[in-house]
Amino acid sequence: MARQKKWGELSKAARDRAARAGARYGLNRNAVRQRYNRGTYNPLSRDPLKNKPREVRKYVTETGAVDWHEAALQNMRLTFGDYYKYPAANDDAIVGRIYSLSDAMAEYVATASEDELLRLASFQPDADGNPPPIEDWHLPPGMTLDDVSVYVNGEWTNPFWYH
């Protein structure tokens, strides 16, 4: 069996390509290098399972695509499951709101940290029930207000409110 090259043995173009691929999953260049050298992540692989980080692999479908909504739901449960106001009985509301997110927003939520999720949950509508401007959300480029909006009984609701 052939030995996999170490990070330093790859060409600069291959390292840059691997770092860009890792950034898609919220990994910085150093994290990609460490995982590559350990053999736990190979963003240059043609195998649809090996070219994804270990945390995401369990959400890969038969087609090789990632089910970001399921990954986002699991991240929300793992992050907030021990919080006082995160009731297990209200899990259906959480599932409904996560599956109403756009694919891009579900991917963002799946890879978000606890601090990022808490910041997203802090936004409230104004006195007229309108959502805050999208500029205040500090989301990645290309996200719109539709990506972070859920309408319950005709009123805008922050999808990260679960109670």
Protein backbone atom coordinates (compact mmCIF):
# COMPACT_ATOMS: atom_id res chain seq x y z
CA MET A 1 0.00 0.00 0.00
CA ALA A 2 1.39 3.38 -0.99
CA ARG A 3 2.08 5.89 1.73
CA GLN A 4 0.10 9.14 1.59
CA LYS A 5 2.25 12.22 1.18
CA LYS A 6 2.58 14.51 4.16
CA TRP A 7 1.28 18.09 3.95
CA GLY A 8 4.76 19.52 3.38
CA GLU A 9 5.35 17.16 0.44
CA LEU A 10 2.31 18.47 -1.46
CA SER A 11 2.75 21.21 -4.02
CA LYS A 12 1.83 24.74 -2.99
CA ALA A 13 -1.16 24.64 -5.37
CA ALA A 14 -2.41 21.38 -3.80
CA ARG A 15 -2.02 22.79 -0.27
CA ASP A 16 -3.91 25.94 -1.29
CA ARG A 17 -6.67 23.86 -2.90
CA ALA A 18 -6.94 21.69 0.23
CA ALA A 19 -7.08 24.77 2.48
CA ARG A 20 -9.89 26.26 0.35
CA ALA A 21 -11.79 22.96 0.52
CA GLY A 22 -11.39 22.86 4.30
CA ALA A 23 -12.59 26.45 4.66
CA ARG A 24 -15.95 25.29 3.28
CA TYR A 25 -16.33 23.27 6.49
CA GLY A 26 -15.09 26.00 8.81
CA LEU A 27 -11.55 24.63 9.06
CA ASN A 28 -8.58 26.95 8.94
CA ARG A 29 -5.40 26.05 7.07
CA ASN A 30 -3.69 24.70 10.20
CA ALA A 31 -6.64 22.42 11.03
CA VAL A 32 -6.64 21.05 7.47
CA ARG A 33 -2.89 20.40 7.68
CA GLN A 34 -3.17 18.59 11.00
CA ARG A 35 -6.08 16.43 9.90
CA TYR A 36 -4.42 15.65 6.58
CA ASN A 37 -1.21 14.53 8.28
CA ARG A 38 -3.17 12.37 10.75
CA GLY A 39 -5.05 10.78 7.86
CA THR A 40 -8.49 11.79 9.14
CA TYR A 41 -9.31 14.24 6.33
CA ASN A 42 -8.17 14.33 2.73
CA PRO A 43 -9.85 17.18 0.84
CA LEU A 44 -7.95 16.15 -2.31
CA SER A 45 -9.50 12.66 -2.40
CA ARG A 46 -11.93 11.68 -5.14
CA ASP A 47 -13.82 9.50 -2.64
CA PRO A 48 -16.96 11.48 -1.62
CA LEU A 49 -16.64 10.24 1.95
CA LYS A 50 -12.92 10.80 2.51
CA ASN A 51 -12.94 14.33 1.13
CA LYS A 52 -15.18 15.49 3.98
CA PRO A 53 -14.22 16.07 7.63
CA ARG A 54 -15.06 13.28 10.06
CA GLU A 55 -17.78 15.36 11.77
CA VAL A 56 -19.69 15.66 8.48
CA ARG A 57 -19.26 12.11 7.16
CA LYS A 58 -22.25 10.69 9.03
CA TYR A 59 -24.52 13.13 7.16
CA VAL A 60 -23.35 12.15 3.66
CA THR A 61 -26.15 10.74 1.52
CA GLU A 62 -25.89 7.96 -1.08
CA THR A 63 -25.20 10.57 -3.75
CA GLY A 64 -22.16 11.90 -1.87
CA ALA A 65 -23.86 15.16 -0.88
CA VAL A 66 -24.09 16.32 2.72
CA ASP A 67 -27.54 16.54 4.35
CA TRP A 68 -26.87 19.96 5.91
CA HIS A 69 -30.29 20.21 7.55
CA GLU A 70 -29.71 17.02 9.53
CA ALA A 71 -26.19 18.19 10.43
CA ALA A 72 -27.57 21.59 11.54
CA LEU A 73 -30.23 19.92 13.65
CA GLN A 74 -27.65 17.73 15.35
CA ASN A 75 -25.38 20.74 16.00
CA MET A 76 -28.29 22.63 17.58
CA ARG A 77 -29.15 19.63 19.79
CA LEU A 78 -25.54 19.09 20.85
CA THR A 79 -24.93 22.78 21.48
CA PHE A 80 -28.12 23.68 23.34
CA GLY A 81 -29.30 20.31 24.69
CA ASP A 82 -28.14 21.11 28.24
CA TYR A 83 -29.53 24.65 28.29
CA TYR A 84 -32.34 25.27 30.75
CA LYS A 85 -34.73 26.68 28.14
CA TYR A 86 -34.06 23.97 25.57
CA PRO A 87 -36.95 21.64 26.25
CA ALA A 88 -36.84 18.16 24.79
CA ALA A 89 -40.63 18.33 24.48
CA ASN A 90 -40.30 21.21 22.01
CA ASP A 91 -38.00 19.30 19.67
CA ASP A 92 -40.63 19.28 16.91
CA ALA A 93 -40.50 23.08 16.76
CA ILE A 94 -36.74 22.97 16.44
CA VAL A 95 -36.89 20.33 13.70
CA GLY A 96 -39.47 22.37 11.78
CA ARG A 97 -37.45 25.56 11.98
CA ILE A 98 -34.17 23.94 11.02
CA TYR A 99 -35.75 22.28 7.99
CA SER A 100 -37.26 25.63 6.95
CA LEU A 101 -33.78 27.18 6.65
CA SER A 102 -32.19 27.54 3.23
CA ASP A 103 -29.47 25.04 2.33
CA ALA A 104 -26.77 27.70 2.69
CA MET A 105 -28.00 28.71 6.15
CA ALA A 106 -28.29 25.06 7.24
CA GLU A 107 -24.65 24.57 6.25
CA TYR A 108 -23.68 27.65 8.25
CA VAL A 109 -25.59 26.41 11.31
CA ALA A 110 -24.08 22.93 10.99
CA THR A 111 -20.57 24.34 11.26
CA ALA A 112 -21.31 27.21 13.68
CA SER A 113 -19.87 27.45 17.16
CA GLU A 114 -21.94 27.93 20.30
CA ASP A 115 -21.10 31.65 20.37
CA GLU A 116 -22.22 32.08 16.76
CA LEU A 117 -25.50 30.27 17.42
CA LEU A 118 -26.16 32.35 20.56
CA ARG A 119 -25.49 35.54 18.58
CA LEU A 120 -27.96 34.44 15.89
CA ALA A 121 -30.59 33.63 18.53
CA SER A 122 -30.27 37.10 20.08
CA PHE A 123 -31.96 38.95 17.20
CA GLN A 124 -35.53 40.10 17.80
CA PRO A 125 -38.08 41.81 15.59
CA ASP A 126 -38.70 45.53 15.93
CA ALA A 127 -41.91 47.01 17.36
CA ASP A 128 -43.71 46.42 14.04
CA GLY A 129 -42.69 42.75 13.94
CA ASN A 130 -40.11 43.24 11.18
CA PRO A 131 -36.77 41.42 11.26
CA PRO A 132 -33.56 43.37 11.92
CA PRO A 133 -31.56 44.41 8.84
CA ILE A 134 -29.42 41.63 7.37
CA GLU A 135 -26.28 43.74 7.84
CA ASP A 136 -26.67 43.36 11.62
CA TRP A 137 -26.51 39.55 11.41
CA HIS A 138 -22.84 39.44 10.27
CA LEU A 139 -23.39 36.39 8.07
CA PRO A 140 -21.15 35.13 5.26
CA PRO A 141 -21.47 36.99 1.94
CA GLY A 142 -24.46 36.04 -0.16
CA MET A 143 -26.87 35.33 2.71
CA THR A 144 -30.17 37.17 2.57
CA LEU A 145 -32.92 37.85 5.07
CA ASP A 146 -34.86 34.97 3.51
CA ASP A 147 -32.09 32.61 4.67
CA VAL A 148 -32.69 33.52 8.34
CA SER A 149 -36.45 33.97 8.30
CA VAL A 150 -39.22 31.69 9.45
CA TYR A 151 -42.84 32.80 9.44
CA VAL A 152 -45.08 31.37 12.13
CA ASN A 153 -48.77 32.32 11.81
CA GLY A 154 -47.75 35.09 9.41
CA GLU A 155 -45.26 36.73 11.80
CA TRP A 156 -41.49 36.80 11.35
CA THR A 157 -39.71 34.58 13.84
CA ASN A 158 -36.03 34.06 14.41
CA PRO A 159 -35.41 30.40 13.46
CA PHE A 160 -33.11 30.03 16.45
CA TRP A 161 -35.87 30.74 18.95
CA TYR A 162 -37.18 27.45 20.17
CA HIS A 163 -39.40 28.44 23.09
